[in-house]
Structure formats: structure tokens, C-alpha cells
PDB file of N, CA and C in Angstrom:
ATOM      1  N   UNK A   1     -14.590 -63.748   3.054  1.00  0.00           N
ATOM      2  CA  UNK A   1     -13.831 -64.517   4.234  1.00  0.00           C
ATOM      3  C   UNK A   1     -13.318 -63.385   5.073  1.00  0.00           C
ATOM      4  N   UNK A   2     -13.091 -63.782   6.286  1.00  0.00           N
ATOM      5  CA  UNK A   2     -12.313 -62.925   7.242  1.00  0.00           C
ATOM      6  C   UNK A   2     -10.812 -63.039   7.193  1.00  0.00           C
ATOM      7  N   UNK A   3     -10.192 -62.055   6.561  1.00  0.00           N
ATOM      8  CA  UNK A   3      -8.776 -62.079   6.568  1.00  0.00           C
ATOM      9  C   UNK A   3      -8.077 -61.403   7.733  1.00  0.00           C
ATOM     10  N   UNK A   4      -8.728 -61.130   8.671  1.00  0.00           N
ATOM     11  CA  UNK A   4      -8.186 -60.494   9.945  1.00  0.00           C
ATOM     12  C   UNK A   4      -7.526 -61.495  10.789  1.00  0.00           C
ATOM     13  N   UNK A   5      -6.413 -61.030  11.465  1.00  0.00           N
ATOM     14  CA  UNK A   5      -5.857 -61.956  12.436  1.00  0.00           C
ATOM     15  C   UNK A   5      -6.667 -62.307  13.672  1.00  0.00           C
ATOM     16  N   UNK A   6      -6.371 -63.414  14.246  1.00  0.00           N
ATOM     17  CA  UNK A   6      -7.044 -63.829  15.486  1.00  0.00           C
ATOM     18  C   UNK A   6      -6.781 -62.927  16.581  1.00  0.00           C
ATOM     19  N   UNK A   7      -7.472 -62.884  17.638  1.00  0.00           N
ATOM     20  CA  UNK A   7      -7.361 -62.140  18.935  1.00  0.00           C
ATOM     21  C   UNK A   7      -6.102 -62.587  19.627  1.00  0.00           C
ATOM     22  N   UNK A   8      -5.249 -61.553  19.820  1.00  0.00           N
ATOM     23  CA  UNK A   8      -4.086 -61.897  20.672  1.00  0.00           C
ATOM     24  C   UNK A   8      -4.192 -62.401  22.063  1.00  0.00           C
ATOM     25  N   UNK A   9      -5.441 -62.043  22.635  1.00  0.00           N
ATOM     26  CA  UNK A   9      -5.763 -62.335  24.145  1.00  0.00           C
ATOM     27  C   UNK A   9      -6.285 -63.774  24.101  1.00  0.00           C
ATOM     28  N   UNK A  10      -7.382 -64.084  23.367  1.00  0.00           N
ATOM     29  CA  UNK A  10      -8.170 -65.347  23.522  1.00  0.00           C
ATOM     30  C   UNK A  10      -7.951 -66.363  22.311  1.00  0.00           C
ATOM     31  N   UNK A  11      -7.374 -65.807  21.201  1.00  0.00           N
ATOM     32  CA  UNK A  11      -7.081 -66.499  19.920  1.00  0.00           C
ATOM     33  C   UNK A  11      -8.332 -66.937  19.207  1.00  0.00           C
ATOM     34  N   UNK A  12      -9.451 -66.117  19.512  1.00  0.00           N
ATOM     35  CA  UNK A  12     -10.646 -66.311  18.764  1.00  0.00           C
ATOM     36  C   UNK A  12     -10.548 -65.645  17.377  1.00  0.00           C
ATOM     37  N   UNK A  13     -11.118 -66.277  16.354  1.00  0.00           N
ATOM     38  CA  UNK A  13     -10.967 -65.952  14.995  1.00  0.00           C
ATOM     39  C   UNK A  13     -12.143 -64.898  14.634  1.00  0.00           C
ATOM     40  N   UNK A  14     -13.088 -64.554  15.487  1.00  0.00           N
ATOM     41  CA  UNK A  14     -14.066 -63.662  15.109  1.00  0.00           C
ATOM     42  C   UNK A  14     -13.765 -62.272  15.586  1.00  0.00           C
ATOM     43  N   UNK A  15     -13.055 -61.543  14.804  1.00  0.00           N
ATOM     44  CA  UNK A  15     -12.575 -60.173  14.821  1.00  0.00           C
ATOM     45  C   UNK A  15     -13.127 -59.405  13.789  1.00  0.00           C
ATOM     46  N   UNK A  16     -13.235 -58.128  14.149  1.00  0.00           N
ATOM     47  CA  UNK A  16     -13.714 -57.109  13.197  1.00  0.00           C
ATOM     48  C   UNK A  16     -12.931 -55.759  13.239  1.00  0.00           C
ATOM     49  N   UNK A  17     -13.005 -54.865  12.305  1.00  0.00           N
ATOM     50  CA  UNK A  17     -12.369 -53.565  12.209  1.00  0.00           C
ATOM     51  C   UNK A  17     -13.324 -52.579  12.772  1.00  0.00           C
ATOM     52  N   UNK A  18     -12.837 -51.672  13.678  1.00  0.00           N
ATOM     53  CA  UNK A  18     -13.561 -50.417  14.111  1.00  0.00           C
ATOM     54  C   UNK A  18     -12.552 -49.308  13.938  1.00  0.00           C
ATOM     55  N   UNK A  19     -12.752 -48.587  12.735  1.00  0.00           N
ATOM     56  CA  UNK A  19     -11.792 -47.512  12.336  1.00  0.00           C
ATOM     57  C   UNK A  19     -10.296 -48.011  12.291  1.00  0.00           C
ATOM     58  N   UNK A  20      -9.511 -47.569  13.216  1.00  0.00           N
ATOM     59  CA  UNK A  20      -8.075 -47.936  13.094  1.00  0.00           C
ATOM     60  C   UNK A  20      -7.732 -49.123  14.025  1.00  0.00           C
ATOM     61  N   UNK A  21      -8.653 -49.691  14.654  1.00  0.00           N
ATOM     62  CA  UNK A  21      -8.503 -50.788  15.679  1.00  0.00           C
ATOM     63  C   UNK A  21      -9.166 -52.026  15.215  1.00  0.00           C
ATOM     64  N   UNK A  22      -8.643 -53.165  15.663  1.00  0.00           N
ATOM     65  CA  UNK A  22      -9.146 -54.536  15.553  1.00  0.00           C
ATOM     66  C   UNK A  22      -9.858 -54.911  16.820  1.00  0.00           C
ATOM     67  N   UNK A  23     -11.116 -55.381  16.761  1.00  0.00           N
ATOM     68  CA  UNK A  23     -11.793 -55.718  18.014  1.00  0.00           C
ATOM     69  C   UNK A  23     -12.288 -57.282  18.012  1.00  0.00           C
ATOM     70  N   UNK A  24     -12.009 -57.835  19.043  1.00  0.00           N
ATOM     71  CA  UNK A  24     -12.505 -59.250  19.275  1.00  0.00           C
ATOM     72  C   UNK A  24     -13.797 -59.318  19.713  1.00  0.00           C
ATOM     73  N   UNK A  25     -14.717 -59.943  18.940  1.00  0.00           N
ATOM     74  CA  UNK A  25     -16.114 -60.025  19.434  1.00  0.00           C
ATOM     75  C   UNK A  25     -16.352 -61.041  20.545  1.00  0.00           C
ATOM     76  N   UNK A  26     -15.439 -61.854  20.779  1.00  0.00           N
ATOM     77  CA  UNK A  26     -15.707 -62.792  21.931  1.00  0.00           C
ATOM     78  C   UNK A  26     -15.315 -62.207  23.333  1.00  0.00           C
ATOM     79  N   UNK A  27     -14.095 -61.592  23.413  1.00  0.00           N
ATOM     80  CA  UNK A  27     -13.670 -61.044  24.660  1.00  0.00           C
ATOM     81  C   UNK A  27     -13.600 -59.463  24.668  1.00  0.00           C
ATOM     82  N   UNK A  28     -13.743 -58.829  23.625  1.00  0.00           N
ATOM     83  CA  UNK A  28     -13.801 -57.323  23.640  1.00  0.00           C
ATOM     84  C   UNK A  28     -12.627 -56.686  23.572  1.00  0.00           C
ATOM     85  N   UNK A  29     -11.457 -57.477  23.462  1.00  0.00           N
ATOM     86  CA  UNK A  29     -10.084 -56.906  23.337  1.00  0.00           C
ATOM     87  C   UNK A  29      -9.896 -56.118  22.125  1.00  0.00           C
ATOM     88  N   UNK A  30      -9.341 -54.880  22.211  1.00  0.00           N
ATOM     89  CA  UNK A  30      -9.045 -53.970  21.142  1.00  0.00           C
ATOM     90  C   UNK A  30      -7.610 -53.884  20.876  1.00  0.00           C
ATOM     91  N   UNK A  31      -7.088 -53.758  19.725  1.00  0.00           N
ATOM     92  CA  UNK A  31      -5.590 -53.651  19.491  1.00  0.00           C
ATOM     93  C   UNK A  31      -5.481 -53.019  18.129  1.00  0.00           C
ATOM     94  N   UNK A  32      -4.274 -52.387  17.944  1.00  0.00           N
ATOM     95  CA  UNK A  32      -3.961 -51.749  16.654  1.00  0.00           C
ATOM     96  C   UNK A  32      -3.323 -52.695  15.610  1.00  0.00           C
ATOM     97  N   UNK A  33      -3.889 -52.593  14.346  1.00  0.00           N
ATOM     98  CA  UNK A  33      -3.242 -53.375  13.348  1.00  0.00           C
ATOM     99  C   UNK A  33      -1.758 -53.009  13.213  1.00  0.00           C
ATOM    100  N   UNK A  34      -1.462 -51.631  13.287  1.00  0.00           N
ATOM    101  CA  UNK A  34      -0.135 -51.192  13.103  1.00  0.00           C
ATOM    102  C   UNK A  34       0.908 -51.751  14.076  1.00  0.00           C
ATOM    103  N   UNK A  35       0.385 -52.072  15.356  1.00  0.00           N
ATOM    104  CA  UNK A  35       1.248 -52.635  16.400  1.00  0.00           C
ATOM    105  C   UNK A  35       1.892 -53.931  16.005  1.00  0.00           C
ATOM    106  N   UNK A  36       1.170 -54.626  15.054  1.00  0.00           N
ATOM    107  CA  UNK A  36       1.563 -56.014  14.654  1.00  0.00           C
ATOM    108  C   UNK A  36       2.591 -55.910  13.476  1.00  0.00           C
ATOM    109  N   UNK A  37       2.143 -54.873  12.635  1.00  0.00           N
ATOM    110  CA  UNK A  37       2.949 -54.825  11.311  1.00  0.00           C
ATOM    111  C   UNK A  37       3.888 -53.701  11.548  1.00  0.00           C
ATOM    112  N   UNK A  38       5.151 -54.032  11.984  1.00  0.00           N
ATOM    113  CA  UNK A  38       6.225 -52.931  12.209  1.00  0.00           C
ATOM    114  C   UNK A  38       6.885 -52.403  11.048  1.00  0.00           C
ATOM    115  N   UNK A  39       6.604 -53.224   9.891  1.00  0.00           N
ATOM    116  CA  UNK A  39       7.279 -52.724   8.650  1.00  0.00           C
ATOM    117  C   UNK A  39       6.287 -51.423   8.110  1.00  0.00           C
ATOM    118  N   UNK A  40       5.013 -51.318   8.576  1.00  0.00           N
ATOM    119  CA  UNK A  40       4.091 -50.268   8.052  1.00  0.00           C
ATOM    120  C   UNK A  40       4.359 -49.118   8.984  1.00  0.00           C
ATOM    121  N   UNK A  41       4.882 -49.142  10.121  1.00  0.00           N
ATOM    122  CA  UNK A  41       5.162 -48.027  10.938  1.00  0.00           C
ATOM    123  C   UNK A  41       6.121 -47.015  10.376  1.00  0.00           C
ATOM    124  N   UNK A  42       5.960 -45.902  10.549  1.00  0.00           N
ATOM    125  CA  UNK A  42       6.733 -44.770  10.127  1.00  0.00           C
ATOM    126  C   UNK A  42       8.039 -44.934  10.668  1.00  0.00           C
ATOM    127  N   UNK A  43       9.196 -44.953   9.752  1.00  0.00           N
ATOM    128  CA  UNK A  43      10.450 -44.845  10.248  1.00  0.00           C
ATOM    129  C   UNK A  43      11.061 -43.437  10.325  1.00  0.00           C
ATOM    130  N   UNK A  44      11.251 -43.064  11.624  1.00  0.00           N
ATOM    131  CA  UNK A  44      11.628 -41.701  11.944  1.00  0.00           C
ATOM    132  C   UNK A  44      13.005 -41.768  12.583  1.00  0.00           C
ATOM    133  N   UNK A  45      14.022 -41.146  12.331  1.00  0.00           N
ATOM    134  CA  UNK A  45      15.256 -41.203  12.887  1.00  0.00           C
ATOM    135  C   UNK A  45      15.593 -39.768  13.454  1.00  0.00           C
ATOM    136  N   UNK A  46      16.467 -39.675  14.716  1.00  0.00           N
ATOM    137  CA  UNK A  46      16.681 -38.517  15.249  1.00  0.00           C
ATOM    138  C   UNK A  46      17.987 -37.846  14.524  1.00  0.00           C
ATOM    139  N   UNK A  47      18.642 -36.926  15.011  1.00  0.00           N
ATOM    140  CA  UNK A  47      19.707 -36.250  14.401  1.00  0.00           C
ATOM    141  C   UNK A  47      20.911 -37.303  14.392  1.00  0.00           C
ATOM    142  N   UNK A  48      21.088 -38.038  15.447  1.00  0.00           N
ATOM    143  CA  UNK A  48      22.157 -38.999  15.471  1.00  0.00           C
ATOM    144  C   UNK A  48      21.846 -40.419  14.723  1.00  0.00           C
ATOM    145  N   UNK A  49      20.754 -40.555  14.152  1.00  0.00           N
ATOM    146  CA  UNK A  49      20.578 -41.786  13.392  1.00  0.00           C
ATOM    147  C   UNK A  49      19.754 -42.755  14.271  1.00  0.00           C
ATOM    148  N   UNK A  50      19.365 -42.545  15.480  1.00  0.00           N
ATOM    149  CA  UNK A  50      18.610 -43.587  16.281  1.00  0.00           C
ATOM    150  C   UNK A  50      17.181 -43.444  15.887  1.00  0.00           C
ATOM    151  N   UNK A  51      16.582 -44.699  15.919  1.00  0.00           N
ATOM    152  CA  UNK A  51      15.060 -44.672  15.625  1.00  0.00           C
ATOM    153  C   UNK A  51      14.231 -44.069  16.708  1.00  0.00           C
ATOM    154  N   UNK A  52      13.095 -43.312  16.409  1.00  0.00           N
ATOM    155  CA  UNK A  52      12.383 -42.624  17.298  1.00  0.00           C
ATOM    156  C   UNK A  52      10.901 -43.431  17.260  1.00  0.00           C
ATOM    157  N   UNK A  53      10.285 -43.537  18.430  1.00  0.00           N
ATOM    158  CA  UNK A  53       9.077 -44.206  18.496  1.00  0.00           C
ATOM    159  C   UNK A  53       8.026 -43.435  19.207  1.00  0.00           C
ATOM    160  N   UNK A  54       6.781 -43.698  19.267  1.00  0.00           N
ATOM    161  CA  UNK A  54       5.787 -43.022  20.115  1.00  0.00           C
ATOM    162  C   UNK A  54       6.124 -43.392  21.588  1.00  0.00           C
ATOM    163  N   UNK A  55       6.068 -42.529  22.390  1.00  0.00           N
ATOM    164  CA  UNK A  55       6.302 -42.577  23.862  1.00  0.00           C
ATOM    165  C   UNK A  55       7.779 -42.316  24.248  1.00  0.00           C
ATOM    166  N   UNK A  56       8.673 -42.241  23.244  1.00  0.00           N
ATOM    167  CA  UNK A  56      10.035 -41.734  23.625  1.00  0.00           C
ATOM    168  C   UNK A  56      10.130 -40.292  24.102  1.00  0.00           C
ATOM    169  N   UNK A  57      11.273 -40.101  24.677  1.00  0.00           N
ATOM    170  CA  UNK A  57      11.656 -38.616  25.109  1.00  0.00           C
ATOM    171  C   UNK A  57      12.726 -38.278  24.261  1.00  0.00           C
ATOM    172  N   UNK A  58      12.639 -37.100  23.803  1.00  0.00           N
ATOM    173  CA  UNK A  58      13.609 -36.552  22.947  1.00  0.00           C
ATOM    174  C   UNK A  58      14.181 -35.153  23.374  1.00  0.00           C
ATOM    175  N   UNK A  59      15.367 -34.740  23.167  1.00  0.00           N
ATOM    176  CA  UNK A  59      15.819 -33.438  23.588  1.00  0.00           C
ATOM    177  C   UNK A  59      16.268 -32.587  22.378  1.00  0.00           C
ATOM    178  N   UNK A  60      16.006 -31.308  22.463  1.00  0.00           N
ATOM    179  CA  UNK A  60      16.346 -30.432  21.331  1.00  0.00           C
ATOM    180  C   UNK A  60      17.887 -30.348  21.241  1.00  0.00           C
ATOM    181  N   UNK A  61      18.458 -30.283  19.951  1.00  0.00           N
ATOM    182  CA  UNK A  61      19.805 -30.113  19.932  1.00  0.00           C
ATOM    183  C   UNK A  61      20.282 -28.765  19.335  1.00  0.00           C
ATOM    184  N   UNK A  62      19.219 -27.896  19.193  1.00  0.00           N
ATOM    185  CA  UNK A  62      19.678 -26.458  18.788  1.00  0.00           C
ATOM    186  C   UNK A  62      18.372 -25.597  19.162  1.00  0.00           C
ATOM    187  N   UNK A  63      18.578 -24.273  19.405  1.00  0.00           N
ATOM    188  CA  UNK A  63      17.528 -23.383  19.586  1.00  0.00           C
ATOM    189  C   UNK A  63      16.635 -23.291  18.400  1.00  0.00           C
ATOM    190  N   UNK A  64      15.318 -23.316  18.753  1.00  0.00           N
ATOM    191  CA  UNK A  64      14.371 -23.233  17.620  1.00  0.00           C
ATOM    192  C   UNK A  64      13.319 -22.093  17.863  1.00  0.00           C
ATOM    193  N   UNK A  65      13.202 -21.203  16.815  1.00  0.00           N
ATOM    194  CA  UNK A  65      12.190 -20.178  17.113  1.00  0.00           C
ATOM    195  C   UNK A  65      10.875 -20.826  16.724  1.00  0.00           C
ATOM    196  N   UNK A  66       9.835 -20.412  17.527  1.00  0.00           N
ATOM    197  CA  UNK A  66       8.452 -20.962  17.508  1.00  0.00           C
ATOM    198  C   UNK A  66       7.747 -19.953  16.436  1.00  0.00           C
ATOM    199  N   UNK A  67       7.261 -20.593  15.349  1.00  0.00           N
ATOM    200  CA  UNK A  67       6.708 -19.912  14.298  1.00  0.00           C
ATOM    201  C   UNK A  67       5.461 -19.267  14.772  1.00  0.00           C
ATOM    202  N   UNK A  68       5.133 -17.987  14.463  1.00  0.00           N
ATOM    203  CA  UNK A  68       4.043 -17.300  14.855  1.00  0.00           C
ATOM    204  C   UNK A  68       4.192 -16.673  16.202  1.00  0.00           C
ATOM    205  N   UNK A  69       5.325 -16.768  16.750  1.00  0.00           N
ATOM    206  CA  UNK A  69       5.562 -16.299  18.221  1.00  0.00           C
ATOM    207  C   UNK A  69       6.925 -15.692  18.339  1.00  0.00           C
ATOM    208  N   UNK A  70       7.088 -14.897  19.463  1.00  0.00           N
ATOM    209  CA  UNK A  70       8.488 -14.350  19.641  1.00  0.00           C
ATOM    210  C   UNK A  70       9.343 -15.281  20.671  1.00  0.00           C
ATOM    211  N   UNK A  71       8.714 -16.349  20.997  1.00  0.00           N
ATOM    212  CA  UNK A  71       9.400 -17.371  21.846  1.00  0.00           C
ATOM    213  C   UNK A  71      10.252 -18.193  21.319  1.00  0.00           C
ATOM    214  N   UNK A  72      11.325 -18.736  22.047  1.00  0.00           N
ATOM    215  CA  UNK A  72      12.302 -19.674  21.409  1.00  0.00           C
ATOM    216  C   UNK A  72      12.464 -20.809  22.415  1.00  0.00           C
ATOM    217  N   UNK A  73      12.489 -22.018  21.615  1.00  0.00           N
ATOM    218  CA  UNK A  73      12.776 -23.220  22.382  1.00  0.00           C
ATOM    219  C   UNK A  73      14.259 -23.461  22.537  1.00  0.00           C
ATOM    220  N   UNK A  74      14.802 -23.547  23.708  1.00  0.00           N
ATOM    221  CA  UNK A  74      16.293 -23.628  23.963  1.00  0.00           C
ATOM    222  C   UNK A  74      16.705 -24.908  23.851  1.00  0.00           C
ATOM    223  N   UNK A  75      18.034 -25.003  23.560  1.00  0.00           N
ATOM    224  CA  UNK A  75      18.708 -26.358  23.535  1.00  0.00           C
ATOM    225  C   UNK A  75      18.613 -27.075  24.682  1.00  0.00           C
ATOM    226  N   UNK A  76      18.352 -28.418  24.666  1.00  0.00           N
ATOM    227  CA  UNK A  76      18.216 -29.175  25.933  1.00  0.00           C
ATOM    228  C   UNK A  76      16.829 -29.408  26.377  1.00  0.00           C
ATOM    229  N   UNK A  77      15.864 -28.642  25.772  1.00  0.00           N
ATOM    230  CA  UNK A  77      14.509 -28.776  26.171  1.00  0.00           C
ATOM    231  C   UNK A  77      13.947 -30.199  25.793  1.00  0.00           C
ATOM    232  N   UNK A  78      13.184 -30.835  26.717  1.00  0.00           N
ATOM    233  CA  UNK A  78      12.736 -32.137  26.467  1.00  0.00           C
ATOM    234  C   UNK A  78      11.384 -32.068  25.796  1.00  0.00           C
ATOM    235  N   UNK A  79      11.082 -33.158  25.038  1.00  0.00           N
ATOM    236  CA  UNK A  79       9.892 -33.176  24.296  1.00  0.00           C
ATOM    237  C   UNK A  79       9.394 -34.730  24.474  1.00  0.00           C
ATOM    238  N   UNK A  80       8.149 -35.101  24.835  1.00  0.00           N
ATOM    239  CA  UNK A  80       7.595 -36.207  24.901  1.00  0.00           C
ATOM    240  C   UNK A  80       6.865 -36.608  23.579  1.00  0.00           C
ATOM    241  N   UNK A  81       7.284 -37.544  22.885  1.00  0.00           N
ATOM    242  CA  UNK A  81       6.860 -38.022  21.433  1.00  0.00           C
ATOM    243  C   UNK A  81       5.381 -38.500  21.627  1.00  0.00           C
ATOM    244  N   UNK A  82       4.411 -37.939  21.194  1.00  0.00           N
ATOM    245  CA  UNK A  82       3.087 -38.540  21.279  1.00  0.00           C
ATOM    246  C   UNK A  82       2.820 -39.496  20.012  1.00  0.00           C
ATOM    247  N   UNK A  83       3.154 -38.976  18.840  1.00  0.00           N
ATOM    248  CA  UNK A  83       2.814 -39.847  17.735  1.00  0.00           C
ATOM    249  C   UNK A  83       3.914 -39.440  16.571  1.00  0.00           C
ATOM    250  N   UNK A  84       4.100 -40.362  15.654  1.00  0.00           N
ATOM    251  CA  UNK A  84       4.993 -40.069  14.555  1.00  0.00           C
ATOM    252  C   UNK A  84       3.983 -40.035  13.357  1.00  0.00           C
ATOM    253  N   UNK A  85       4.236 -38.979  12.642  1.00  0.00           N
ATOM    254  CA  UNK A  85       3.341 -38.669  11.422  1.00  0.00           C
ATOM    255  C   UNK A  85       4.076 -38.413  10.198  1.00  0.00           C
ATOM    256  N   UNK A  86       3.430 -38.428   9.080  1.00  0.00           N
ATOM    257  CA  UNK A  86       4.101 -38.276   7.818  1.00  0.00           C
ATOM    258  C   UNK A  86       4.157 -36.790   7.618  1.00  0.00           C
ATOM    259  N   UNK A  87       5.178 -36.389   6.789  1.00  0.00           N
ATOM    260  CA  UNK A  87       5.192 -34.842   6.451  1.00  0.00           C
ATOM    261  C   UNK A  87       6.505 -34.329   6.886  1.00  0.00           C
ATOM    262  N   UNK A  88       6.688 -33.039   6.716  1.00  0.00           N
ATOM    263  CA  UNK A  88       7.988 -32.346   7.020  1.00  0.00           C
ATOM    264  C   UNK A  88       8.196 -32.231   8.431  1.00  0.00           C
ATOM    265  N   UNK A  89       7.155 -31.920   9.104  1.00  0.00           N
ATOM    266  CA  UNK A  89       7.389 -31.923  10.642  1.00  0.00           C
ATOM    267  C   UNK A  89       6.699 -33.152  11.023  1.00  0.00           C
ATOM    268  N   UNK A  90       7.615 -34.206  11.390  1.00  0.00           N
ATOM    269  CA  UNK A  90       7.176 -35.572  11.523  1.00  0.00           C
ATOM    270  C   UNK A  90       6.870 -36.091  13.016  1.00  0.00           C
ATOM    271  N   UNK A  91       7.131 -35.233  13.957  1.00  0.00           N
ATOM    272  CA  UNK A  91       7.002 -35.648  15.430  1.00  0.00           C
ATOM    273  C   UNK A  91       5.805 -34.728  15.972  1.00  0.00           C
ATOM    274  N   UNK A  92       4.831 -35.396  16.574  1.00  0.00           N
ATOM    275  CA  UNK A  92       3.858 -34.567  17.201  1.00  0.00           C
ATOM    276  C   UNK A  92       4.127 -34.919  18.698  1.00  0.00           C
ATOM    277  N   UNK A  93       4.544 -33.850  19.443  1.00  0.00           N
ATOM    278  CA  UNK A  93       4.889 -33.982  20.834  1.00  0.00           C
ATOM    279  C   UNK A  93       4.499 -32.924  21.775  1.00  0.00           C
ATOM    280  N   UNK A  94       4.745 -33.318  23.083  1.00  0.00           N
ATOM    281  CA  UNK A  94       4.449 -32.381  24.174  1.00  0.00           C
ATOM    282  C   UNK A  94       5.793 -31.821  24.608  1.00  0.00           C
ATOM    283  N   UNK A  95       6.029 -30.500  24.462  1.00  0.00           N
ATOM    284  CA  UNK A  95       7.241 -29.965  24.897  1.00  0.00           C
ATOM    285  C   UNK A  95       7.166 -29.287  26.173  1.00  0.00           C
ATOM    286  N   UNK A  96       8.129 -29.460  27.086  1.00  0.00           N
ATOM    287  CA  UNK A  96       8.131 -28.977  28.430  1.00  0.00           C
ATOM    288  C   UNK A  96       7.859 -27.510  28.437  1.00  0.00           C
ATOM    289  N   UNK A  97       6.961 -27.070  29.275  1.00  0.00           N
ATOM    290  CA  UNK A  97       6.673 -25.584  29.627  1.00  0.00           C
ATOM    291  C   UNK A  97       6.230 -24.903  28.319  1.00  0.00           C
ATOM    292  N   UNK A  98       5.887 -25.588  27.322  1.00  0.00           N
ATOM    293  CA  UNK A  98       5.426 -24.854  26.099  1.00  0.00           C
ATOM    294  C   UNK A  98       3.962 -25.322  25.677  1.00  0.00           C
ATOM    295  N   UNK A  99       3.847 -26.671  25.402  1.00  0.00           N
ATOM    296  CA  UNK A  99       2.753 -27.343  25.089  1.00  0.00           C
ATOM    297  C   UNK A  99       2.972 -28.203  23.962  1.00  0.00           C
ATOM    298  N   UNK A 100       1.781 -28.430  23.256  1.00  0.00           N
ATOM    299  CA  UNK A 100       1.978 -29.388  22.163  1.00  0.00           C
ATOM    300  C   UNK A 100       2.347 -28.677  20.847  1.00  0.00           C
ATOM    301  N   UNK A 101       3.226 -29.346  20.160  1.00  0.00           N
ATOM    302  CA  UNK A 101       3.677 -28.865  18.819  1.00  0.00           C
ATOM    303  C   UNK A 101       4.288 -29.942  17.970  1.00  0.00           C
ATOM    304  N   UNK A 102       4.537 -29.524  16.641  1.00  0.00           N
ATOM    305  CA  UNK A 102       5.128 -30.449  15.795  1.00  0.00           C
ATOM    306  C   UNK A 102       6.483 -30.064  15.529  1.00  0.00           C
ATOM    307  N   UNK A 103       7.406 -31.059  15.542  1.00  0.00           N
ATOM    308  CA  UNK A 103       8.796 -30.766  15.270  1.00  0.00           C
ATOM    309  C   UNK A 103       9.462 -31.530  14.206  1.00  0.00           C
ATOM    310  N   UNK A 104      10.589 -31.112  13.634  1.00  0.00           N
ATOM    311  CA  UNK A 104      11.277 -32.055  12.683  1.00  0.00           C
ATOM    312  C   UNK A 104      12.261 -32.947  13.425  1.00  0.00           C
ATOM    313  N   UNK A 105      12.362 -34.356  12.998  1.00  0.00           N
ATOM    314  CA  UNK A 105      13.217 -35.172  13.778  1.00  0.00           C
ATOM    315  C   UNK A 105      14.658 -34.835  13.630  1.00  0.00           C
ATOM    316  N   UNK A 106      15.040 -34.008  12.750  1.00  0.00           N
ATOM    317  CA  UNK A 106      16.396 -33.624  12.551  1.00  0.00           C
ATOM    318  C   UNK A 106      16.950 -32.737  13.691  1.00  0.00           C
ATOM    319  N   UNK A 107      16.025 -32.085  14.394  1.00  0.00           N
ATOM    320  CA  UNK A 107      16.371 -31.203  15.522  1.00  0.00           C
ATOM    321  C   UNK A 107      16.248 -31.661  16.845  1.00  0.00           C
ATOM    322  N   UNK A 108      16.085 -33.019  16.884  1.00  0.00           N
ATOM    323  CA  UNK A 108      15.992 -33.632  18.252  1.00  0.00           C
ATOM    324  C   UNK A 108      17.075 -34.817  18.416  1.00  0.00           C
ATOM    325  N   UNK A 109      17.362 -35.291  19.487  1.00  0.00           N
ATOM    326  CA  UNK A 109      18.068 -36.437  19.779  1.00  0.00           C
ATOM    327  C   UNK A 109      17.388 -37.288  20.864  1.00  0.00           C
ATOM    328  N   UNK A 110      17.341 -38.665  20.731  1.00  0.00           N
ATOM    329  CA  UNK A 110      16.675 -39.518  21.717  1.00  0.00           C
ATOM    330  C   UNK A 110      17.485 -39.331  23.049  1.00  0.00           C
ATOM    331  N   UNK A 111      16.565 -39.224  24.072  1.00  0.00           N
ATOM    332  CA  UNK A 111      17.206 -39.091  25.435  1.00  0.00           C
ATOM    333  C   UNK A 111      16.764 -40.264  26.325  1.00  0.00           C
ATOM    334  N   UNK A 112      17.661 -40.578  27.211  1.00  0.00           N
ATOM    335  CA  UNK A 112      17.367 -41.879  28.016  1.00  0.00           C
ATOM    336  C   UNK A 112      16.220 -41.740  29.102  1.00  0.00           C
ATOM    337  N   UNK A 113      15.807 -40.445  29.435  1.00  0.00           N
ATOM    338  CA  UNK A 113      14.693 -40.337  30.329  1.00  0.00           C
ATOM    339  C   UNK A 113      13.591 -39.614  29.938  1.00  0.00           C
TER     340      UNK A 113
END
């Protein structure tokens, strides 16, 4: 039997899995199963205890040396969180003027912009 949820767009019950996504065979709508199950999402908190989510903007709270380089990320540098991952460095983000890297959530705080 199909234990998958119905399509959130057209409510059709004919859905199937395609890798990490669920797909409606009637209307073609695709959605993530994790978007529905908030309990399964990784719980990541910043240095102040605020929840961080994908798409948030965070600010560094201290200077950080970039491993394998002589450069330093300065306090106040903004980072756009692309995804939350498991592990020691649990934020995959785009850092202003530097590029993509992984950071620990303990060294950032959630920013309003």
C-alpha cells in the first residue's frame, strides 16, 4: 500500500518518492518530506540559543582563522545559511567576500537581515 501523504497542491493520493522528494503523478508538484516533518529537521541553535534554519542570515561573533589558509574571518561578517547538516561543523553557508564554507553554529548569531 502507498503510505505516502497526498499532494498538498491537488490532494491526489497518487504520489511517489524520487530520491529526497515526493512527487504527485497527477499534477507534477514536488515537495520535500522533511518540510512536513519538523520533528525530523536538524535542531541547530546559534550562540544565543536562537533556532537557525536554512535561508537565515547569521553574523560571526568572533574572529575565525580559515583552516588551510592565512586569512581570517572578522567578527561581524555575514553568512547566508544554505543548509543545516549533521556533524561538528553543522552549518553549510555562503560567507560574504569569501565563498562557501562550513561553520560551527556556536560561532554565529542569527541576524535580522
